[in-house]
Protein backbone atom coordinates (compact mmCIF):
# COMPACT_ATOMS: atom_id res chain seq x y z
CA MET A 1 1.50 -22.96 3.00
CA LEU A 2 -0.05 -22.67 -0.56
CA ASP A 3 2.27 -23.86 -3.10
CA PRO A 4 4.82 -21.01 -3.72
CA LYS A 5 5.12 -21.72 -7.75
CA LEU A 6 1.36 -22.11 -8.41
CA VAL A 7 0.84 -18.39 -6.75
CA SER A 8 3.72 -16.85 -8.50
CA ASP A 9 2.13 -18.07 -11.38
CA LEU A 10 -1.16 -16.54 -10.97
CA VAL A 11 -0.10 -13.49 -9.68
CA ALA A 12 2.32 -13.08 -13.18
CA ARG A 13 -0.41 -14.01 -15.40
CA TYR A 14 -2.26 -10.87 -14.29
CA MET A 15 0.55 -9.08 -14.40
CA ARG A 16 1.29 -9.98 -17.95
CA ASP A 17 -2.65 -9.84 -19.06
CA THR A 18 -3.89 -6.46 -17.48
CA GLY A 19 -0.42 -4.54 -15.73
CA LEU A 20 -2.71 -5.42 -11.97
CA PRO A 21 -1.68 -8.36 -9.79
CA VAL A 22 -5.49 -8.93 -8.82
CA PRO A 23 -8.43 -9.17 -11.39
CA ALA A 24 -9.80 -5.28 -10.73
CA PRO A 25 -11.23 -2.42 -12.78
CA LYS A 26 -8.55 -0.39 -13.72
CA GLU A 27 -10.42 2.36 -12.79
CA ALA A 28 -10.37 1.61 -9.45
CA LEU A 29 -6.93 3.22 -9.40
CA TYR A 30 -8.03 6.33 -9.89
CA ARG A 31 -11.80 6.52 -9.34
CA TRP A 32 -10.85 8.17 -6.30
CA ALA A 33 -9.65 11.59 -7.50
CA LYS A 34 -12.35 12.16 -9.66
CA PRO A 35 -14.37 14.14 -7.47
CA LEU A 36 -11.93 16.13 -6.57
CA ARG A 37 -10.50 17.21 -9.94
CA LEU A 38 -7.31 17.78 -9.22
CA PRO A 39 -4.85 19.06 -12.26
CA ARG A 40 -2.75 16.83 -14.99
CA GLU A 41 -0.02 19.19 -15.27
CA GLY A 42 1.92 20.44 -12.97
CA PRO A 43 5.69 20.89 -11.00
CA ARG A 44 5.40 16.98 -9.53
CA TYR A 45 3.25 14.47 -9.88
CA LEU A 46 1.35 12.53 -7.45
CA TYR A 47 2.05 8.68 -7.89
CA THR A 48 0.28 6.21 -5.83
CA GLY A 49 1.16 3.16 -7.51
CA GLY A 50 -2.33 1.69 -7.04
CA LEU A 51 -1.56 -0.18 -3.17
CA TYR A 52 -4.40 1.63 -1.17
CA GLN A 53 -6.69 1.33 -3.91
CA LEU A 54 -6.30 -2.64 -4.41
CA MET A 55 -5.80 -3.67 -1.20
CA PRO A 56 -9.60 -4.51 -1.06
CA TYR A 57 -8.90 -6.81 -4.07
CA ILE A 58 -6.23 -8.72 -2.57
CA GLN A 59 -7.99 -8.97 0.76
CA ALA A 60 -10.62 -10.55 -1.19
CA MET A 61 -7.96 -12.90 -3.05
CA VAL A 62 -6.05 -13.40 0.75
CA LYS A 63 -9.77 -14.65 1.60
CA TYR A 64 -9.82 -16.87 -1.28
CA LEU A 65 -6.51 -18.26 -0.82
CA GLU A 66 -6.96 -18.55 2.93
CA ARG A 67 -9.78 -21.36 2.21
CA MET A 68 -7.32 -22.87 -0.74
CA GLU A 69 -4.59 -23.38 1.97
CA GLU A 70 -7.46 -25.99 4.43
CA GLY A 71 -6.40 -28.67 2.75
CA ARG A 72 -4.95 -31.29 -0.27
CA ALA A 73 -8.61 -30.99 -2.01
CA GLY A 74 -7.82 -26.66 -1.87
CA ARG A 75 -4.46 -26.41 -3.05
CA LEU A 76 -6.01 -29.20 -5.87
CA ALA A 77 -8.27 -26.39 -6.64
CA LEU A 78 -5.94 -23.37 -6.92
CA GLY A 79 -3.86 -25.62 -9.27
CA LEU A 80 -7.04 -26.36 -11.51
CA ALA A 81 -7.96 -22.58 -11.09
CA GLY A 82 -4.53 -21.58 -12.27
CA ARG A 83 -4.97 -23.17 -15.74
CA LEU A 84 -8.42 -22.55 -16.75
CA ALA A 85 -9.50 -19.50 -18.67
CA GLY A 86 -10.25 -16.45 -16.78
CA LEU A 87 -9.62 -17.85 -13.63
CA GLY A 88 -13.31 -18.07 -12.75
CA GLY A 89 -13.99 -18.55 -8.95
CA LEU A 90 -11.06 -16.19 -7.65
CA ALA A 91 -11.88 -13.59 -10.89
CA LYS A 92 -15.44 -13.73 -9.22
CA ALA A 93 -14.06 -13.62 -5.35
CA VAL A 94 -11.89 -10.80 -6.02
CA ALA A 95 -14.58 -8.84 -8.02
CA ARG A 96 -16.74 -8.29 -4.77
CA PRO A 97 -13.79 -6.49 -2.61
CA ASP A 98 -15.58 -5.71 0.96
CA LYS A 99 -17.02 -1.69 0.33
CA GLY A 100 -16.29 -1.11 3.44
CA LEU A 101 -12.23 -1.17 3.00
CA VAL A 102 -12.59 0.46 -0.86
CA ALA A 103 -14.43 3.54 0.88
CA TYR A 104 -11.64 3.64 3.60
CA SER A 105 -8.63 3.19 0.98
CA GLU A 106 -10.00 5.97 -1.02
CA SER A 107 -10.71 8.41 1.91
CA VAL A 108 -6.78 7.55 2.74
CA LEU A 109 -5.89 9.08 -0.55
CA ARG A 110 -8.37 11.69 -0.27
CA GLY A 111 -7.09 12.88 2.50
CA ILE A 112 -3.15 12.87 1.34
CA ALA A 113 -4.53 15.01 -1.53
CA GLY A 114 -5.86 17.34 0.78
CA HIS A 115 -2.86 17.86 3.25
CA LEU A 116 -0.64 18.32 0.43
CA ARG A 117 -2.78 21.13 -0.42
CA ARG A 118 -3.02 22.49 2.66
CA ALA A 119 0.64 22.58 3.23
CA GLY A 120 0.89 24.19 -0.02
CA VAL A 121 2.72 21.53 -1.78
CA GLY A 122 2.12 21.84 -5.37
CA TYR A 123 1.30 19.12 -7.73
CA ALA A 124 -0.93 17.42 -10.55
CA TYR A 125 -2.22 13.45 -11.14
CA LEU A 126 -1.48 11.11 -13.30
CA TYR A 127 -4.84 9.27 -13.32
CA GLU A 128 -5.09 6.66 -16.00
CA ASP A 129 -1.24 6.59 -16.03
CA ASP A 130 -1.07 6.13 -12.27
CA LEU A 131 -0.33 2.23 -12.69
CA TYR A 132 0.49 -0.11 -10.41
CA SER A 133 4.49 -0.23 -8.99
CA GLY A 134 4.98 -4.10 -9.82
CA VAL A 135 5.77 -4.46 -6.11
CA ILE A 136 4.26 -7.83 -5.77
CA LEU A 137 6.81 -9.12 -8.90
CA HIS A 138 9.96 -8.18 -6.72
CA ASP A 139 8.43 -9.75 -4.06
CA LEU A 140 7.88 -12.86 -5.30
CA GLY A 141 11.26 -13.28 -6.75
CA LEU A 142 10.21 -12.80 -10.35
CA ASP A 143 13.17 -10.50 -11.63
CA GLU A 144 12.36 -10.50 -15.24
CA ASP A 145 8.73 -10.07 -15.06
CA PHE A 146 9.28 -7.18 -12.88
CA ALA A 147 12.16 -5.78 -14.84
CA ARG A 148 9.70 -5.38 -17.96
CA HIS A 149 7.00 -4.11 -16.11
CA ALA A 150 9.34 -1.50 -14.09
CA SER A 151 10.65 -0.29 -17.40
CA MET A 152 6.98 0.17 -19.03
CA VAL A 153 5.97 2.17 -15.78
CA TYR A 154 9.17 4.48 -16.32
CA ARG A 155 8.60 4.79 -19.96
CA ARG A 156 5.03 5.81 -19.18
CA LEU A 157 6.02 8.63 -16.61
CA ARG A 158 8.51 10.20 -18.92
CA GLU A 159 6.48 10.29 -21.75
CA ARG A 160 4.05 12.23 -19.97
CA GLY A 161 7.15 14.26 -18.78
CA VAL A 162 6.92 13.33 -15.34
CA GLU A 163 10.38 14.25 -13.63
CA SER A 164 9.79 14.24 -9.74
CA VAL A 165 6.66 11.88 -7.89
CA ILE A 166 4.93 12.01 -4.26
CA THR A 167 4.41 8.68 -3.35
CA VAL A 168 1.97 7.59 -0.36
CA ASP A 169 3.23 4.28 0.93
CA PRO A 170 6.22 2.31 2.01
CA HIS A 171 6.28 -0.36 -0.65
CA THR A 172 6.30 2.04 -3.74
CA THR A 173 8.49 4.59 -2.41
CA HIS A 174 11.25 1.62 -1.99
CA MET A 175 10.66 0.52 -5.72
CA LEU A 176 10.34 3.86 -7.09
CA ARG A 177 13.57 5.19 -4.74
CA SER A 178 15.40 2.06 -4.03
CA ILE A 179 14.70 -0.39 -6.32
CA TYR A 180 13.78 0.83 -9.79
CA PRO A 181 16.75 2.40 -10.54
CA LYS A 182 18.62 -1.66 -10.46
CA TYR A 183 16.57 -2.35 -13.21
CA VAL A 184 15.71 0.85 -15.38
CA ASP A 185 18.47 2.11 -17.88
CA GLY A 186 18.86 5.96 -17.12
CA TYR A 187 16.56 6.12 -14.05
CA SER A 188 16.40 9.59 -13.07
CA LEU A 189 13.24 10.32 -11.04
CA GLU A 190 12.56 12.40 -7.70
CA VAL A 191 11.07 10.39 -5.50
CA ARG A 192 9.50 12.18 -2.18
CA THR A 193 7.12 10.84 0.35
CA TYR A 194 4.01 13.05 0.93
CA ILE A 195 5.07 12.21 4.76
CA GLU A 196 8.49 13.89 3.74
CA LEU A 197 7.17 16.81 2.27
CA LEU A 198 4.54 17.51 4.59
CA ASP A 199 7.50 17.47 7.30
CA GLU A 200 9.61 19.63 5.64
CA ALA A 201 6.68 22.51 5.23
CA GLY A 202 5.71 22.64 8.68
CA TYR A 203 2.51 20.97 7.93
CA GLN A 204 0.21 21.38 11.17
CA ALA A 205 -2.92 19.51 10.73
CA LYS A 206 -5.69 20.00 13.82
CA SER A 207 -6.40 16.88 15.66
CA SER A 208 -5.95 15.44 19.10
CA GLY A 209 -5.76 12.16 21.48
CA GLU A 210 -3.47 9.96 21.45
CA VAL A 211 -1.81 7.02 18.97
CA VAL A 212 0.57 3.99 19.28
CA ILE A 213 2.69 4.05 15.90
CA HIS A 214 3.68 1.44 13.94
CA ASP A 215 6.66 1.89 11.70
CA PRO A 216 6.17 0.08 8.56
CA CYS A 217 9.31 -2.15 7.47
CA LEU A 218 10.57 -0.14 4.71
CA TYR A 219 9.55 3.09 5.77
CA ALA A 220 11.58 2.42 9.00
CA ARG A 221 14.80 0.34 7.76
CA PHE A 222 15.33 1.24 4.10
CA GLU A 223 14.16 4.65 3.30
CA GLY A 224 14.71 6.79 6.46
CA VAL A 225 11.21 7.83 7.02
CA VAL A 226 10.98 7.49 10.99
CA GLU A 227 10.84 10.91 12.72
CA GLN A 228 8.60 13.01 10.27
CA PRO A 229 6.07 11.05 10.89
CA ARG A 230 6.15 11.56 15.01
CA ARG A 231 7.10 15.23 14.16
CA LEU A 232 3.90 15.40 12.29
CA LEU A 233 1.41 13.63 14.87
CA SER A 234 3.07 15.94 17.60
CA ARG A 235 2.65 19.54 15.54
CA SER A 236 -1.41 18.13 15.19
CA GLY A 237 -1.91 17.60 18.70
CA VAL A 238 -1.37 14.24 18.67
CA GLU A 239 0.42 12.11 21.33
CA ALA A 240 2.40 9.62 19.48
CA LYS A 241 3.40 6.66 21.65
CA GLU A 242 6.40 4.04 21.29
CA PRO A 243 5.37 0.01 21.20
CA ARG A 244 8.35 -2.05 22.55
CA ARG A 245 9.72 -2.40 19.25
CA SER A 246 9.71 0.98 17.03
CA ARG A 247 11.55 3.16 14.88
CA ARG A 248 14.35 0.80 13.26
CA MET A 249 14.25 -2.34 15.10
CA THR A 250 10.06 -2.32 14.11
CA TYR A 251 7.92 -5.68 13.73
CA CYS A 252 6.11 -6.84 10.91
CA CYS A 253 2.62 -6.68 10.67
CA GLY A 254 2.25 -10.12 8.73
CA GLY A 255 2.69 -8.75 5.53
CA PRO A 256 3.32 -9.11 2.53
CA ILE A 257 3.34 -12.98 2.38
CA GLU A 258 -0.25 -13.60 3.39
CA GLY A 259 -0.66 -14.80 -0.27
CA LEU A 260 1.76 -17.63 0.00
CA ALA A 261 0.83 -18.27 3.71
CA PRO A 262 -2.24 -16.65 5.09
CA SER A 263 -2.12 -18.71 8.18
CA LEU A 264 2.04 -17.55 9.49
CA SER A 265 0.73 -14.01 8.38
CA LYS A 266 -1.82 -13.69 10.69
CA ARG A 267 0.04 -15.46 13.34
CA ILE A 268 2.93 -12.85 12.88
CA ALA A 269 0.05 -10.25 12.69
CA ARG A 270 -1.31 -11.29 16.16
CA ILE A 271 2.29 -11.02 18.00
CA ARG A 272 2.41 -7.43 16.19
CA MET A 273 -1.21 -6.97 17.86
CA ASP A 274 -0.50 -7.81 20.95
CA GLU A 275 2.64 -5.38 21.46
CA LEU A 276 0.23 -2.22 20.24
CA ARG A 277 -2.56 -2.33 21.42
CA ARG A 278 -0.47 -2.62 24.99
CA VAL A 279 0.56 0.84 24.70
CA SER A 280 -2.56 2.03 23.13
CA SER A 281 -5.84 1.11 21.95
CA ARG A 282 -5.46 3.21 18.96
CA ILE A 283 -2.76 2.46 16.19
CA VAL A 284 -1.87 4.70 13.69
CA VAL A 285 -0.25 2.69 10.43
CA MET A 286 1.45 4.48 7.21
CA CYS A 287 0.62 1.79 4.62
CA PRO A 288 -2.15 -0.59 3.30
CA ILE A 289 -0.35 -3.64 3.83
CA CYS A 290 0.02 -2.97 7.70
CA TYR A 291 -3.96 -1.48 8.12
CA ALA A 292 -5.06 -4.56 6.38
CA ASN A 293 -3.14 -7.21 7.65
CA LEU A 294 -3.65 -5.22 11.60
CA SER A 295 -6.91 -4.25 11.71
CA SER A 296 -8.03 -8.48 10.44
CA VAL A 297 -6.83 -9.43 14.42
CA ALA A 298 -7.62 -6.47 16.08
CA PRO A 299 -9.64 -7.13 19.25
CA GLU A 300 -13.03 -5.33 19.99
CA GLY A 301 -12.26 -1.90 21.17
CA VAL A 302 -8.82 -1.20 18.87
CA GLU A 303 -8.49 0.85 16.27
CA VAL A 304 -6.48 0.80 13.66
CA VAL A 305 -6.02 3.93 11.32
CA ASP A 306 -3.92 5.58 8.61
CA LEU A 307 -1.78 8.83 9.07
CA ALA A 308 -3.39 10.70 6.76
CA LEU A 309 -6.91 10.23 8.88
CA VAL A 310 -5.34 10.69 12.16
CA LEU A 311 -4.15 14.24 10.88
CA GLY A 312 -7.63 14.75 9.95
CA GLU A 313 -9.66 14.72 6.67
CA PRO A 314 -9.24 18.22 5.02
CA GLY A 315 -10.46 17.81 1.85
CA ALA A 316 -8.69 19.18 -1.46
């Protein structure tokens, strides 16, 4: 296991300097939306929180940290990297994210945008103000840094006139719906997931086949997003099967501890993968962290795919 202090200091430094947990171009957060020409003003705003877009960069960092975890020399190198201007080795590694994962993440977001349009859900997009939620600061216990970041994000949203947001992943949803109110005075945003809104609209996509459904912990245990994805799949012609541990009793994918203990994260992911693949060779997830962790241990012939893509890619 890596020294948690070194990792948290590394992340905190990037957050203070750039507002992002890893070295990544800020355009990466809204580049996916440019071809869609989404409106900038509307009744509610799509707020991605950047987790899908940053996952390729986070995965590049995790691979770098895995090498650092291999021995004392690696840990010393990480400690030295944390003291060097620009954090050269890490910055270079993260600057080369997997292009396939970048394309995949952006296709998920375009799929979500298209499904919302087809369902008749009106929304605008924040573009440059689609800021990272700061969830990693909260997960690492960096409360003061998190409180500052959350207040900044909320202030920017309110300056844009935002009163209601649509979220796209469980971590960002949990932050804005359950955690931000504890840290931000006067917090008043309405927060709904795209899954809840599609379900309420009776949305029916065109799809087929069978999947095994992996419930992300935060949706299932804290935010009450459990039956909605199952109804969406059923209405769309997809048979959703259940693993041994599902719904509120779901099992972790191995994240988000991958930055602190990459090898432990992999062991947990393999346990969950074994449970899921026994039920179906196609695993549906609703979280970029779940996708990254489970796909990294998926054996040949097993596909891990996001709910938005299982429902199809309708275009926006």
